[in-house]
PDB file of N, CA and C in Angstrom:
ATOM      1  N   MET A   1     -52.598 -11.227 -18.227  1.00  0.00           N
ATOM      2  CA  MET A   1     -52.249 -11.251 -16.826  1.00  0.00           C
ATOM      3  C   MET A   1     -51.421 -12.517 -16.505  1.00  0.00           C
ATOM      4  N   GLU A   2     -51.860 -13.657 -17.030  1.00  0.00           N
ATOM      5  CA  GLU A   2     -51.126 -14.890 -16.773  1.00  0.00           C
ATOM      6  C   GLU A   2     -49.723 -14.836 -17.379  1.00  0.00           C
ATOM      7  N   TYR A   3     -49.610 -14.160 -18.502  1.00  0.00           N
ATOM      8  CA  TYR A   3     -48.312 -14.024 -19.161  1.00  0.00           C
ATOM      9  C   TYR A   3     -47.349 -13.244 -18.273  1.00  0.00           C
ATOM     10  N   ILE A   4     -47.785 -12.172 -17.677  1.00  0.00           N
ATOM     11  CA  ILE A   4     -46.942 -11.341 -16.810  1.00  0.00           C
ATOM     12  C   ILE A   4     -46.555 -12.120 -15.552  1.00  0.00           C
ATOM     13  N   LEU A   5     -47.529 -12.854 -14.964  1.00  0.00           N
ATOM     14  CA  LEU A   5     -47.214 -13.659 -13.776  1.00  0.00           C
ATOM     15  C   LEU A   5     -46.204 -14.757 -14.103  1.00  0.00           C
ATOM     16  N   GLY A   6     -46.346 -15.407 -15.224  1.00  0.00           N
ATOM     17  CA  GLY A   6     -45.406 -16.452 -15.640  1.00  0.00           C
ATOM     18  C   GLY A   6     -44.026 -15.886 -15.898  1.00  0.00           C
ATOM     19  N   LEU A   7     -43.988 -14.729 -16.564  1.00  0.00           N
ATOM     20  CA  LEU A   7     -42.710 -14.080 -16.829  1.00  0.00           C
ATOM     21  C   LEU A   7     -42.026 -13.640 -15.532  1.00  0.00           C
ATOM     22  N   GLY A   8     -42.797 -13.074 -14.625  1.00  0.00           N
ATOM     23  CA  GLY A   8     -42.247 -12.647 -13.331  1.00  0.00           C
ATOM     24  C   GLY A   8     -41.756 -13.820 -12.516  1.00  0.00           C
ATOM     25  N   THR A   9     -42.554 -14.897 -12.486  1.00  0.00           N
ATOM     26  CA  THR A   9     -42.168 -16.095 -11.739  1.00  0.00           C
ATOM     27  C   THR A   9     -40.902 -16.715 -12.333  1.00  0.00           C
ATOM     28  N   GLY A  10     -40.839 -16.782 -13.657  1.00  0.00           N
ATOM     29  CA  GLY A  10     -39.651 -17.326 -14.319  1.00  0.00           C
ATOM     30  C   GLY A  10     -38.417 -16.484 -14.042  1.00  0.00           C
ATOM     31  N   LEU A  11     -38.602 -15.174 -14.048  1.00  0.00           N
ATOM     32  CA  LEU A  11     -37.481 -14.269 -13.771  1.00  0.00           C
ATOM     33  C   LEU A  11     -36.977 -14.441 -12.344  1.00  0.00           C
ATOM     34  N   VAL A  12     -37.909 -14.495 -11.394  1.00  0.00           N
ATOM     35  CA  VAL A  12     -37.531 -14.653  -9.984  1.00  0.00           C
ATOM     36  C   VAL A  12     -36.843 -16.005  -9.771  1.00  0.00           C
ATOM     37  N   LEU A  13     -37.401 -17.058 -10.335  1.00  0.00           N
ATOM     38  CA  LEU A  13     -36.780 -18.375 -10.176  1.00  0.00           C
ATOM     39  C   LEU A  13     -35.409 -18.438 -10.855  1.00  0.00           C
ATOM     40  N   GLY A  14     -35.292 -17.841 -12.030  1.00  0.00           N
ATOM     41  CA  GLY A  14     -34.001 -17.841 -12.727  1.00  0.00           C
ATOM     42  C   GLY A  14     -32.924 -17.113 -11.942  1.00  0.00           C
ATOM     43  N   VAL A  15     -33.268 -15.937 -11.447  1.00  0.00           N
ATOM     44  CA  VAL A  15     -32.296 -15.162 -10.659  1.00  0.00           C
ATOM     45  C   VAL A  15     -31.974 -15.894  -9.359  1.00  0.00           C
ATOM     46  N   GLY A  16     -32.987 -16.441  -8.714  1.00  0.00           N
ATOM     47  CA  GLY A  16     -32.776 -17.154  -7.456  1.00  0.00           C
ATOM     48  C   GLY A  16     -31.896 -18.381  -7.630  1.00  0.00           C
ATOM     49  N   LEU A  17     -32.162 -19.159  -8.659  1.00  0.00           N
ATOM     50  CA  LEU A  17     -31.336 -20.340  -8.912  1.00  0.00           C
ATOM     51  C   LEU A  17     -29.910 -19.969  -9.298  1.00  0.00           C
ATOM     52  N   THR A  18     -29.772 -18.908 -10.068  1.00  0.00           N
ATOM     53  CA  THR A  18     -28.431 -18.456 -10.449  1.00  0.00           C
ATOM     54  C   THR A  18     -27.635 -18.027  -9.217  1.00  0.00           C
ATOM     55  N   LEU A  19     -28.268 -17.251  -8.344  1.00  0.00           N
ATOM     56  CA  LEU A  19     -27.575 -16.819  -7.122  1.00  0.00           C
ATOM     57  C   LEU A  19     -27.258 -18.008  -6.217  1.00  0.00           C
ATOM     58  N   ALA A  20     -28.177 -18.949  -6.105  1.00  0.00           N
ATOM     59  CA  ALA A  20     -27.936 -20.127  -5.265  1.00  0.00           C
ATOM     60  C   ALA A  20     -26.783 -20.957  -5.820  1.00  0.00           C
ATOM     61  N   LEU A  21     -26.758 -21.139  -7.132  1.00  0.00           N
ATOM     62  CA  LEU A  21     -25.678 -21.909  -7.746  1.00  0.00           C
ATOM     63  C   LEU A  21     -24.334 -21.206  -7.588  1.00  0.00           C
ATOM     64  N   ALA A  22     -24.314 -19.893  -7.740  1.00  0.00           N
ATOM     65  CA  ALA A  22     -23.070 -19.133  -7.579  1.00  0.00           C
ATOM     66  C   ALA A  22     -22.564 -19.242  -6.141  1.00  0.00           C
ATOM     67  N   ARG A  23     -23.470 -19.165  -5.182  1.00  0.00           N
ATOM     68  CA  ARG A  23     -23.060 -19.274  -3.782  1.00  0.00           C
ATOM     69  C   ARG A  23     -22.566 -20.687  -3.473  1.00  0.00           C
ATOM     70  N   PHE A  24     -23.227 -21.688  -4.032  1.00  0.00           N
ATOM     71  CA  PHE A  24     -22.827 -23.075  -3.818  1.00  0.00           C
ATOM     72  C   PHE A  24     -21.438 -23.334  -4.379  1.00  0.00           C
ATOM     73  N   LYS A  25     -21.157 -22.812  -5.561  1.00  0.00           N
ATOM     74  CA  LYS A  25     -19.827 -22.970  -6.158  1.00  0.00           C
ATOM     75  C   LYS A  25     -18.772 -22.222  -5.354  1.00  0.00           C
ATOM     76  N   SER A  26     -19.121 -21.048  -4.851  1.00  0.00           N
ATOM     77  CA  SER A  26     -18.140 -20.255  -4.106  1.00  0.00           C
ATOM     78  C   SER A  26     -17.746 -20.930  -2.803  1.00  0.00           C
ATOM     79  N   LEU A  27     -18.629 -21.752  -2.240  1.00  0.00           N
ATOM     80  CA  LEU A  27     -18.272 -22.468  -1.013  1.00  0.00           C
ATOM     81  C   LEU A  27     -17.093 -23.400  -1.255  1.00  0.00           C
ATOM     82  N   PHE A  28     -17.141 -24.145  -2.346  1.00  0.00           N
ATOM     83  CA  PHE A  28     -16.047 -25.063  -2.653  1.00  0.00           C
ATOM     84  C   PHE A  28     -14.827 -24.322  -3.166  1.00  0.00           C
ATOM     85  N   LYS A  29     -15.060 -23.307  -3.969  1.00  0.00           N
ATOM     86  CA  LYS A  29     -13.947 -22.550  -4.534  1.00  0.00           C
ATOM     87  C   LYS A  29     -13.190 -21.807  -3.445  1.00  0.00           C
ATOM     88  N   SER A  30     -13.907 -21.174  -2.543  1.00  0.00           N
ATOM     89  CA  SER A  30     -13.236 -20.394  -1.505  1.00  0.00           C
ATOM     90  C   SER A  30     -12.442 -21.290  -0.567  1.00  0.00           C
ATOM     91  N   SER A  31     -12.922 -22.496  -0.315  1.00  0.00           N
ATOM     92  CA  SER A  31     -12.167 -23.371   0.573  1.00  0.00           C
ATOM     93  C   SER A  31     -10.843 -23.777  -0.085  1.00  0.00           C
ATOM     94  N   GLU A  32     -10.870 -24.055  -1.381  1.00  0.00           N
ATOM     95  CA  GLU A  32      -9.640 -24.411  -2.099  1.00  0.00           C
ATOM     96  C   GLU A  32      -8.704 -23.208  -2.170  1.00  0.00           C
ATOM     97  N   VAL A  33      -9.262 -22.058  -2.470  1.00  0.00           N
ATOM     98  CA  VAL A  33      -8.449 -20.838  -2.530  1.00  0.00           C
ATOM     99  C   VAL A  33      -7.868 -20.532  -1.160  1.00  0.00           C
ATOM    100  N   LYS A  34      -8.650 -20.735  -0.135  1.00  0.00           N
ATOM    101  CA  LYS A  34      -8.175 -20.483   1.228  1.00  0.00           C
ATOM    102  C   LYS A  34      -7.009 -21.410   1.575  1.00  0.00           C
ATOM    103  N   LYS A  35      -7.135 -22.682   1.204  1.00  0.00           N
ATOM    104  CA  LYS A  35      -6.045 -23.632   1.472  1.00  0.00           C
ATOM    105  C   LYS A  35      -4.774 -23.216   0.735  1.00  0.00           C
ATOM    106  N   LEU A  36      -4.919 -22.838  -0.523  1.00  0.00           N
ATOM    107  CA  LEU A  36      -3.750 -22.440  -1.303  1.00  0.00           C
ATOM    108  C   LEU A  36      -3.128 -21.157  -0.747  1.00  0.00           C
ATOM    109  N   HIS A  37      -3.969 -20.236  -0.309  1.00  0.00           N
ATOM    110  CA  HIS A  37      -3.463 -18.987   0.261  1.00  0.00           C
ATOM    111  C   HIS A  37      -2.666 -19.265   1.540  1.00  0.00           C
ATOM    112  N   GLU A  38      -3.184 -20.152   2.379  1.00  0.00           N
ATOM    113  CA  GLU A  38      -2.473 -20.524   3.606  1.00  0.00           C
ATOM    114  C   GLU A  38      -1.145 -21.204   3.276  1.00  0.00           C
ATOM    115  N   GLU A  39      -1.147 -22.055   2.272  1.00  0.00           N
ATOM    116  CA  GLU A  39       0.081 -22.747   1.890  1.00  0.00           C
ATOM    117  C   GLU A  39       1.123 -21.764   1.367  1.00  0.00           C
ATOM    118  N   VAL A  40       0.691 -20.803   0.557  1.00  0.00           N
ATOM    119  CA  VAL A  40       1.613 -19.787   0.039  1.00  0.00           C
ATOM    120  C   VAL A  40       2.183 -18.966   1.187  1.00  0.00           C
ATOM    121  N   ARG A  41       1.325 -18.577   2.135  1.00  0.00           N
ATOM    122  CA  ARG A  41       1.800 -17.796   3.286  1.00  0.00           C
ATOM    123  C   ARG A  41       2.820 -18.592   4.097  1.00  0.00           C
ATOM    124  N   HIS A  42       2.540 -19.884   4.299  1.00  0.00           N
ATOM    125  CA  HIS A  42       3.470 -20.742   5.049  1.00  0.00           C
ATOM    126  C   HIS A  42       4.808 -20.865   4.311  1.00  0.00           C
ATOM    127  N   LEU A  43       4.768 -21.045   2.988  1.00  0.00           N
ATOM    128  CA  LEU A  43       6.003 -21.175   2.220  1.00  0.00           C
ATOM    129  C   LEU A  43       6.801 -19.874   2.206  1.00  0.00           C
ATOM    130  N   LYS A  44       6.125 -18.737   2.140  1.00  0.00           N
ATOM    131  CA  LYS A  44       6.822 -17.454   2.197  1.00  0.00           C
ATOM    132  C   LYS A  44       7.505 -17.268   3.544  1.00  0.00           C
ATOM    133  N   ARG A  45       6.822 -17.673   4.616  1.00  0.00           N
ATOM    134  CA  ARG A  45       7.408 -17.557   5.951  1.00  0.00           C
ATOM    135  C   ARG A  45       8.653 -18.436   6.070  1.00  0.00           C
ATOM    136  N   ARG A  46       8.583 -19.662   5.552  1.00  0.00           N
ATOM    137  CA  ARG A  46       9.746 -20.554   5.588  1.00  0.00           C
ATOM    138  C   ARG A  46      10.903 -19.997   4.762  1.00  0.00           C
ATOM    139  N   LEU A  47      10.579 -19.415   3.603  1.00  0.00           N
ATOM    140  CA  LEU A  47      11.617 -18.832   2.758  1.00  0.00           C
ATOM    141  C   LEU A  47      12.295 -17.663   3.459  1.00  0.00           C
ATOM    142  N   GLU A  48      11.520 -16.828   4.142  1.00  0.00           N
ATOM    143  CA  GLU A  48      12.110 -15.715   4.890  1.00  0.00           C
ATOM    144  C   GLU A  48      13.013 -16.221   6.003  1.00  0.00           C
ATOM    145  N   GLU A  49      12.590 -17.277   6.705  1.00  0.00           N
ATOM    146  CA  GLU A  49      13.431 -17.852   7.758  1.00  0.00           C
ATOM    147  C   GLU A  49      14.744 -18.384   7.185  1.00  0.00           C
ATOM    148  N   LYS A  50      14.667 -19.041   6.050  1.00  0.00           N
ATOM    149  CA  LYS A  50      15.876 -19.572   5.428  1.00  0.00           C
ATOM    150  C   LYS A  50      16.780 -18.445   4.942  1.00  0.00           C
ATOM    151  N   ASP A  51      16.201 -17.375   4.419  1.00  0.00           N
ATOM    152  CA  ASP A  51      17.000 -16.227   3.999  1.00  0.00           C
ATOM    153  C   ASP A  51      17.742 -15.615   5.186  1.00  0.00           C
ATOM    154  N   ARG A  52      17.045 -15.488   6.327  1.00  0.00           N
ATOM    155  CA  ARG A  52      17.704 -14.954   7.527  1.00  0.00           C
ATOM    156  C   ARG A  52      18.832 -15.873   7.978  1.00  0.00           C
ATOM    157  N   HIS A  53      18.601 -17.173   7.921  1.00  0.00           N
ATOM    158  CA  HIS A  53      19.633 -18.130   8.313  1.00  0.00           C
ATOM    159  C   HIS A  53      20.851 -18.029   7.396  1.00  0.00           C
ATOM    160  N   VAL A  54      20.636 -17.940   6.101  1.00  0.00           N
ATOM    161  CA  VAL A  54      21.744 -17.819   5.149  1.00  0.00           C
ATOM    162  C   VAL A  54      22.500 -16.517   5.398  1.00  0.00           C
ATOM    163  N   ALA A  55      21.782 -15.436   5.682  1.00  0.00           N
ATOM    164  CA  ALA A  55      22.439 -14.158   5.961  1.00  0.00           C
ATOM    165  C   ALA A  55      23.314 -14.261   7.212  1.00  0.00           C
ATOM    166  N   ARG A  56      22.795 -14.929   8.259  1.00  0.00           N
ATOM    167  CA  ARG A  56      23.600 -15.111   9.481  1.00  0.00           C
ATOM    168  C   ARG A  56      24.839 -15.948   9.196  1.00  0.00           C
ATOM    169  N   MET A  57      24.691 -16.984   8.395  1.00  0.00           N
ATOM    170  CA  MET A  57      25.837 -17.835   8.063  1.00  0.00           C
ATOM    171  C   MET A  57      26.876 -17.054   7.259  1.00  0.00           C
ATOM    172  N   LEU A  58      26.429 -16.199   6.358  1.00  0.00           N
ATOM    173  CA  LEU A  58      27.375 -15.382   5.591  1.00  0.00           C
ATOM    174  C   LEU A  58      28.136 -14.423   6.491  1.00  0.00           C
ATOM    175  N   VAL A  59      27.447 -13.828   7.458  1.00  0.00           N
ATOM    176  CA  VAL A  59      28.122 -12.919   8.397  1.00  0.00           C
ATOM    177  C   VAL A  59      29.166 -13.682   9.203  1.00  0.00           C
ATOM    178  N   GLU A  60      28.797 -14.871   9.692  1.00  0.00           N
ATOM    179  CA  GLU A  60      29.748 -15.683  10.456  1.00  0.00           C
ATOM    180  C   GLU A  60      30.947 -16.087   9.602  1.00  0.00           C
ATOM    181  N   THR A  61      30.697 -16.424   8.344  1.00  0.00           N
ATOM    182  CA  THR A  61      31.785 -16.798   7.442  1.00  0.00           C
ATOM    183  C   THR A  61      32.719 -15.622   7.207  1.00  0.00           C
ATOM    184  N   GLU A  62      32.149 -14.436   7.021  1.00  0.00           N
ATOM    185  CA  GLU A  62      32.981 -13.248   6.828  1.00  0.00           C
ATOM    186  C   GLU A  62      33.837 -12.959   8.063  1.00  0.00           C
ATOM    187  N   LYS A  63      33.259 -13.159   9.253  1.00  0.00           N
ATOM    188  CA  LYS A  63      34.023 -12.954  10.483  1.00  0.00           C
ATOM    189  C   LYS A  63      35.185 -13.947  10.568  1.00  0.00           C
ATOM    190  N   LEU A  64      34.918 -15.206  10.213  1.00  0.00           N
ATOM    191  CA  LEU A  64      35.977 -16.211  10.237  1.00  0.00           C
ATOM    192  C   LEU A  64      37.087 -15.867   9.251  1.00  0.00           C
ATOM    193  N   VAL A  65      36.709 -15.413   8.062  1.00  0.00           N
ATOM    194  CA  VAL A  65      37.709 -15.053   7.055  1.00  0.00           C
ATOM    195  C   VAL A  65      38.551 -13.884   7.545  1.00  0.00           C
ATOM    196  N   GLN A  66      37.916 -12.894   8.150  1.00  0.00           N
ATOM    197  CA  GLN A  66      38.669 -11.749   8.673  1.00  0.00           C
ATOM    198  C   GLN A  66      39.609 -12.181   9.788  1.00  0.00           C
ATOM    199  N   GLY A  67      39.128 -13.069  10.653  1.00  0.00           N
ATOM    200  CA  GLY A  67      39.977 -13.563  11.733  1.00  0.00           C
ATOM    201  C   GLY A  67      41.154 -14.357  11.206  1.00  0.00           C
ATOM    202  N   LEU A  68      40.914 -15.182  10.214  1.00  0.00           N
ATOM    203  CA  LEU A  68      41.998 -15.978   9.648  1.00  0.00           C
ATOM    204  C   LEU A  68      42.981 -15.112   8.863  1.00  0.00           C
ATOM    205  N   SER A  69      42.504 -14.045   8.280  1.00  0.00           N
ATOM    206  CA  SER A  69      43.419 -13.179   7.526  1.00  0.00           C
ATOM    207  C   SER A  69      44.331 -12.390   8.462  1.00  0.00           C
ATOM    208  N   GLN A  70      43.972 -12.249   9.724  1.00  0.00           N
ATOM    209  CA  GLN A  70      44.793 -11.528  10.691  1.00  0.00           C
ATOM    210  C   GLN A  70      45.921 -12.398  11.242  1.00  0.00           C
ATOM    211  N   ILE A  71      45.764 -13.711  11.153  1.00  0.00           N
ATOM    212  CA  ILE A  71      46.775 -14.626  11.684  1.00  0.00           C
ATOM    213  C   ILE A  71      47.964 -14.649  10.724  1.00  0.00           C
ATOM    214  N   ARG A  72      49.130 -14.460  11.291  1.00  0.00           N
ATOM    215  CA  ARG A  72      50.355 -14.506  10.483  1.00  0.00           C
ATOM    216  C   ARG A  72      51.038 -15.831  10.758  1.00  0.00           C
ATOM    217  N   ILE A  73      51.316 -16.532   9.719  1.00  0.00           N
ATOM    218  CA  ILE A  73      52.000 -17.815   9.841  1.00  0.00           C
ATOM    219  C   ILE A  73      53.476 -17.592   9.515  1.00  0.00           C
ATOM    220  N   SER A  74      54.300 -17.961  10.470  1.00  0.00           N
ATOM    221  CA  SER A  74      55.727 -17.791  10.241  1.00  0.00           C
ATOM    222  C   SER A  74      56.222 -18.911   9.330  1.00  0.00           C
ATOM    223  N   PRO A  75      57.231 -18.622   8.522  1.00  0.00           N
ATOM    224  CA  PRO A  75      57.779 -19.645   7.633  1.00  0.00           C
ATOM    225  C   PRO A  75      58.332 -20.824   8.421  1.00  0.00           C
ATOM    226  N   PRO A  76      58.343 -22.007   7.851  1.00  0.00           N
ATOM    227  CA  PRO A  76      58.802 -23.220   8.579  1.00  0.00           C
ATOM    228  C   PRO A  76      60.270 -23.120   9.034  1.00  0.00           C
ATOM    229  N   SER A  77      61.094 -22.353   8.381  1.00  0.00           N
ATOM    230  CA  SER A  77      62.504 -22.264   8.784  1.00  0.00           C
ATOM    231  C   SER A  77      62.657 -21.534  10.121  1.00  0.00           C
ATOM    232  N   GLN A  78      61.759 -20.669  10.469  1.00  0.00           N
ATOM    233  CA  GLN A  78      61.855 -19.920  11.718  1.00  0.00           C
ATOM    234  C   GLN A  78      61.276 -20.728  12.898  1.00  0.00           C
ATOM    235  N   LEU A  79      60.545 -21.769  12.669  1.00  0.00           N
ATOM    236  CA  LEU A  79      59.956 -22.546  13.727  1.00  0.00           C
ATOM    237  C   LEU A  79      61.003 -23.398  14.444  1.00  0.00           C
ATOM    238  N   GLN A  80      62.096 -23.752  13.834  1.00  0.00           N
ATOM    239  CA  GLN A  80      63.095 -24.632  14.438  1.00  0.00           C
ATOM    240  C   GLN A  80      63.975 -23.857  15.292  1.00  0.00           C
TER     241      GLN A  80
END
């Protein structure tokens, strides 16, 4: 009888300590993972903003090139 009680008590304590240790580790791990996840999300958002800005600049550059290609410059001999 004492053997069964000791085995049961040891099993309960072992499982309980294992679960407590796993939960304790997850508190620190999840906070670090959470910080890294937030940082990745912030960097992705900044990258998307920069991509949109570059796309707008390319469109503006293309418009300028088209406008400049429409301008006809007369030769210098005709200006006098």
